[in-house]
Amino acid sequence: MVEYSKLSRNTDMIKLYSEKILALATEIPFTDCLASPDVSITKRSPVCGSTIKIELVLRNEKILKFSQNVKACALGQAAASIVGDVVIGLSKDDIQLAHDQLITMLTQNGQIPDKPFEKFEVLLPAKDYRNRHASIMLSLEAILAGLDTLN
């Protein structure tokens, strides 16, 4: 006999890994390395072991070219996919705002991040899974860390 609490947790996990999240995880853009990046950085989450390597080419303090190599769970991959879809043309301030809004959404029941990051709404079910937050935040944190190396 299956305990109700185990069944409930399985149902919650199924909701967490929705078709939309899994689709995003399989459609990560900009996975080819850049020839001459201005920034190349690898970031690893000590919480879950997820890693991401990002490369950036900047012009006028905005992201002109972007590359990412993501080794993460489906949630981290989905987040990287969302970031990759909109990152070109954005500034450090744009990335910082998205980072701050996403962490607030996950940890403080905050609003969904502003455009162009509104697709993070798909990750709302993850707010109850704190151990997954580090993987979700990894792509934005890597970009910020990379941009900080230029200062």
Foldseek 3Di string as FASTA:
>chain_A
DDDPVVVVVVVLVDLQCDPLLQVLLVQQPAADDDDDFPFWDKDADPLAGKIKIKGFHDDPQATAHIHMDTDFPSLLSSLNSLCRVPRGGHHLVVLVQQLVQLVCCLAVVHDQGDPPNNVCVSNSSCSVVVSCVCSNSVVSVRVNVRVVVVD
